[in-house]
Amino acid sequence: MLDAALAVFAEKGYEGATLDEVAERAEFGKGTLYNYFPGGKESILFALLDEVYDGLVAIIEAYFTDEAEQHRPTRALFRDFIAALIAYFSERQAVFMIMVKEAQRLMLDGNTAARIFAQRERLAETTAAPIQAAMDRGALRPMDAHGVAHMLMGNVHGYMMYASCPPVDGDHHRKARAFLSSPEKGADFIATILFDGLLTEQARA
């Protein structure tokens, strides 16, 4: 059902999609959809978003095991984690774009905003744990781990927005998109900014 809904939302847009179309694509009756999703389209949308956030939390828990944190260099561990996030969103391009398009609308409603905030905080807290652990062992500067988690996720979100935008004329833009054309290149780019900074050694002197 969720796969069918995602396909219809991607083709028609969330606002333009109907439950009749979702039911037809899923080969279920409309009444069956309401049995699983009593809130209609919005319930389906939140089920899709919950699935995405569950997957993100699973990635964090898989990458930052005790063994990995003890035996892998911190920068390499976070760089590979960023690449996994980018790959995850790239494989779910349709739901990512729905998240982007619907986020503002959902945030205008108090009930739906609370649910979105709760998922974002869940993600930030889960990401903050390995960041704090790296700070505690002296691998990262002591800062607000929760804020760093939001910054990291914000950079991944920004990268995905840039990588997902339609191509436009201009040699500079084409070269930039080619440079950020894979999860590995995107992860290298973000890790360089986050862990190495933009200033050269000469400029720091």
Protein backbone atom coordinates (compact mmCIF):
# COMPACT_ATOMS: atom_id res chain seq x y z
CA MET A 1 0.00 0.00 0.00
CA LEU A 2 2.77 2.42 0.90
CA ASP A 3 4.66 1.66 -2.32
CA ALA A 4 1.50 2.36 -4.30
CA ALA A 5 0.87 5.59 -2.40
CA LEU A 6 4.45 6.74 -2.91
CA ALA A 7 4.19 6.10 -6.65
CA VAL A 8 0.94 8.08 -6.91
CA PHE A 9 2.23 10.92 -4.72
CA ALA A 10 5.38 11.13 -6.84
CA GLU A 11 3.39 11.28 -10.08
CA LYS A 12 0.51 13.53 -9.02
CA GLY A 13 1.91 15.35 -6.01
CA TYR A 14 0.47 14.87 -2.56
CA GLU A 15 -2.27 17.46 -3.02
CA GLY A 16 -3.22 16.17 -6.46
CA ALA A 17 -3.32 12.50 -5.50
CA THR A 18 -6.55 10.80 -4.45
CA LEU A 19 -7.20 7.75 -2.33
CA ASP A 20 -9.07 6.22 -5.24
CA GLU A 21 -5.87 6.36 -7.29
CA VAL A 22 -3.83 4.91 -4.44
CA ALA A 23 -6.36 2.09 -3.94
CA GLU A 24 -6.38 1.32 -7.65
CA ARG A 25 -2.57 1.23 -7.81
CA ALA A 26 -2.41 -0.97 -4.71
CA GLU A 27 -5.19 -3.22 -6.03
CA PHE A 28 -7.16 -2.83 -2.83
CA GLY A 29 -10.56 -1.38 -2.14
CA LYS A 30 -10.72 2.15 -0.77
CA GLY A 31 -12.35 0.78 2.39
CA THR A 32 -9.34 -1.45 2.97
CA LEU A 33 -7.05 1.59 2.82
CA TYR A 34 -9.13 3.30 5.49
CA ASN A 35 -8.90 0.18 7.67
CA TYR A 36 -5.11 0.52 7.68
CA PHE A 37 -4.97 4.31 7.49
CA PRO A 38 -8.05 5.81 9.18
CA GLY A 39 -6.77 9.34 8.59
CA GLY A 40 -6.69 8.90 4.83
CA LYS A 41 -3.92 10.50 2.80
CA GLU A 42 -2.29 12.20 5.77
CA SER A 43 -2.02 8.90 7.66
CA ILE A 44 -0.36 7.37 4.61
CA LEU A 45 2.03 10.32 4.32
CA PHE A 46 3.07 10.00 7.96
CA ALA A 47 3.52 6.26 7.57
CA LEU A 48 5.94 6.97 4.72
CA LEU A 49 7.80 9.56 6.79
CA ASP A 50 7.94 7.26 9.83
CA GLU A 51 9.43 4.56 7.62
CA VAL A 52 12.13 6.96 6.43
CA TYR A 53 13.05 8.06 9.96
CA ASP A 54 13.11 4.44 11.17
CA GLY A 55 15.56 3.68 8.37
CA LEU A 56 17.78 6.63 9.29
CA VAL A 57 17.93 5.59 12.93
CA ALA A 58 18.81 2.05 11.83
CA ILE A 59 21.73 3.41 9.77
CA ILE A 60 23.07 5.34 12.76
CA GLU A 61 22.84 2.30 15.03
CA ALA A 62 24.51 0.09 12.41
CA TYR A 63 27.46 2.44 11.81
CA PHE A 64 28.28 3.51 15.34
CA THR A 65 28.84 0.23 17.12
CA ASP A 66 31.27 -0.03 20.01
CA GLU A 67 33.70 -1.96 17.81
CA ALA A 68 33.59 0.60 14.99
CA GLU A 69 34.07 3.53 17.36
CA GLN A 70 37.05 1.82 19.02
CA HIS A 71 38.87 0.62 15.90
CA ARG A 72 38.07 3.08 13.11
CA PRO A 73 39.35 6.66 12.75
CA THR A 74 36.60 9.07 13.70
CA ARG A 75 36.72 11.09 10.49
CA ALA A 76 36.53 7.98 8.29
CA LEU A 77 33.66 6.61 10.36
CA PHE A 78 31.61 9.79 10.06
CA ARG A 79 32.51 10.20 6.39
CA ASP A 80 31.20 6.71 5.59
CA PHE A 81 28.12 7.39 7.71
CA ILE A 82 27.41 10.53 5.64
CA ALA A 83 27.83 8.52 2.43
CA ALA A 84 25.31 5.98 3.74
CA LEU A 85 22.82 8.76 4.49
CA ILE A 86 23.19 10.21 1.00
CA ALA A 87 22.81 6.77 -0.58
CA TYR A 88 19.71 6.13 1.53
CA PHE A 89 18.04 9.35 0.41
CA SER A 90 19.18 8.88 -3.20
CA GLU A 91 17.49 5.47 -3.29
CA ARG A 92 14.33 7.12 -1.92
CA GLN A 93 14.35 10.20 -4.10
CA ALA A 94 10.58 10.27 -4.46
CA VAL A 95 9.84 10.21 -0.74
CA PHE A 96 12.63 12.72 -0.08
CA MET A 97 11.04 15.21 -2.47
CA ILE A 98 7.63 14.62 -0.88
CA MET A 99 9.20 15.32 2.53
CA VAL A 100 10.67 18.56 1.24
CA LYS A 101 7.47 19.71 -0.45
CA GLU A 102 5.12 18.80 2.39
CA ALA A 103 7.28 19.75 5.37
CA GLN A 104 6.26 23.41 5.40
CA ARG A 105 2.57 22.63 5.05
CA LEU A 106 2.71 20.06 7.83
CA MET A 107 4.55 22.46 10.13
CA LEU A 108 1.68 24.95 9.94
CA ASP A 109 -0.63 22.59 11.79
CA GLY A 110 0.01 22.16 15.51
CA ASN A 111 -0.75 18.45 15.64
CA THR A 112 1.26 17.46 12.60
CA ALA A 113 4.09 19.86 13.54
CA ALA A 114 4.49 18.11 16.88
CA ARG A 115 4.82 14.77 15.17
CA ILE A 116 7.42 16.08 12.71
CA PHE A 117 9.40 17.74 15.50
CA ALA A 118 9.33 14.52 17.51
CA GLN A 119 10.83 12.54 14.63
CA ARG A 120 13.46 15.19 13.96
CA GLU A 121 14.44 15.26 17.61
CA ARG A 122 14.57 11.48 17.71
CA LEU A 123 16.97 11.57 14.76
CA ALA A 124 19.06 14.37 16.27
CA GLU A 125 19.33 12.63 19.65
CA THR A 126 20.34 9.35 18.03
CA THR A 127 22.99 11.15 15.95
CA ALA A 128 24.19 13.18 18.93
CA ALA A 129 25.07 10.04 20.91
CA PRO A 130 28.07 8.96 18.77
CA ILE A 131 29.08 12.61 18.35
CA GLN A 132 29.18 13.04 22.12
CA ALA A 133 31.08 9.76 22.45
CA ALA A 134 33.71 11.03 19.99
CA MET A 135 33.98 14.26 22.00
CA ASP A 136 34.36 12.32 25.24
CA ARG A 137 37.28 10.33 23.87
CA GLY A 138 38.95 13.49 22.56
CA ALA A 139 38.43 12.85 18.85
CA LEU A 140 36.13 15.88 18.34
CA ARG A 141 36.17 19.30 19.92
CA PRO A 142 33.86 19.65 22.93
CA MET A 143 30.75 21.40 21.63
CA ASP A 144 26.98 21.01 21.83
CA ALA A 145 26.57 17.49 20.39
CA HIS A 146 22.88 18.03 19.73
CA GLY A 147 23.61 21.16 17.70
CA VAL A 148 26.38 19.40 15.78
CA ALA A 149 23.94 16.58 14.98
CA HIS A 150 21.46 19.08 13.53
CA MET A 151 24.28 20.71 11.55
CA LEU A 152 25.42 17.37 10.12
CA MET A 153 21.91 16.37 9.07
CA GLY A 154 21.31 19.85 7.70
CA ASN A 155 24.37 19.53 5.47
CA VAL A 156 23.16 16.19 4.14
CA HIS A 157 19.71 17.69 3.51
CA GLY A 158 21.28 20.66 1.70
CA TYR A 159 23.42 18.37 -0.43
CA MET A 160 20.36 16.32 -1.40
CA MET A 161 18.44 19.48 -2.32
CA TYR A 162 21.30 20.60 -4.55
CA ALA A 163 21.87 17.18 -6.10
CA SER A 164 18.14 16.73 -6.73
CA CYS A 165 17.44 20.06 -8.41
CA PRO A 166 16.80 19.95 -12.18
CA PRO A 167 19.87 20.70 -14.32
CA VAL A 168 20.14 24.25 -15.60
CA ASP A 169 22.23 25.87 -18.27
CA GLY A 170 25.70 26.94 -17.27
CA ASP A 171 29.08 25.24 -17.33
CA HIS A 172 29.76 26.08 -13.68
CA HIS A 173 26.58 24.38 -12.48
CA ARG A 174 27.21 21.28 -14.59
CA LYS A 175 30.74 20.94 -13.20
CA ALA A 176 29.49 21.37 -9.65
CA ARG A 177 26.81 18.70 -10.09
CA ALA A 178 29.38 16.32 -11.62
CA PHE A 179 31.64 16.91 -8.62
CA LEU A 180 28.81 15.93 -6.27
CA SER A 181 27.43 13.14 -8.43
CA SER A 182 27.75 10.18 -6.03
CA PRO A 183 27.28 9.44 -2.33
CA GLU A 184 31.05 9.04 -1.99
CA LYS A 185 31.80 12.41 -3.58
CA GLY A 186 29.04 14.07 -1.61
CA ALA A 187 30.36 12.55 1.62
CA ASP A 188 33.90 13.72 0.86
CA PHE A 189 32.60 17.23 0.20
CA ILE A 190 30.56 17.42 3.41
CA ALA A 191 33.24 15.76 5.55
CA THR A 192 35.84 18.23 4.27
CA ILE A 193 33.66 21.17 5.25
CA LEU A 194 32.66 19.74 8.64
CA PHE A 195 35.94 18.18 9.76
CA ASP A 196 38.63 20.11 7.87
CA GLY A 197 37.01 23.50 7.35
CA LEU A 198 37.38 25.89 4.44
CA LEU A 199 40.46 27.83 5.51
CA THR A 200 43.86 26.78 4.20
CA GLU A 201 46.77 26.24 6.55
CA GLN A 202 48.23 29.50 5.25
CA ALA A 203 45.03 31.40 6.08
CA ARG A 204 44.98 29.93 9.59
CA ALA A 205 48.50 31.10 10.31
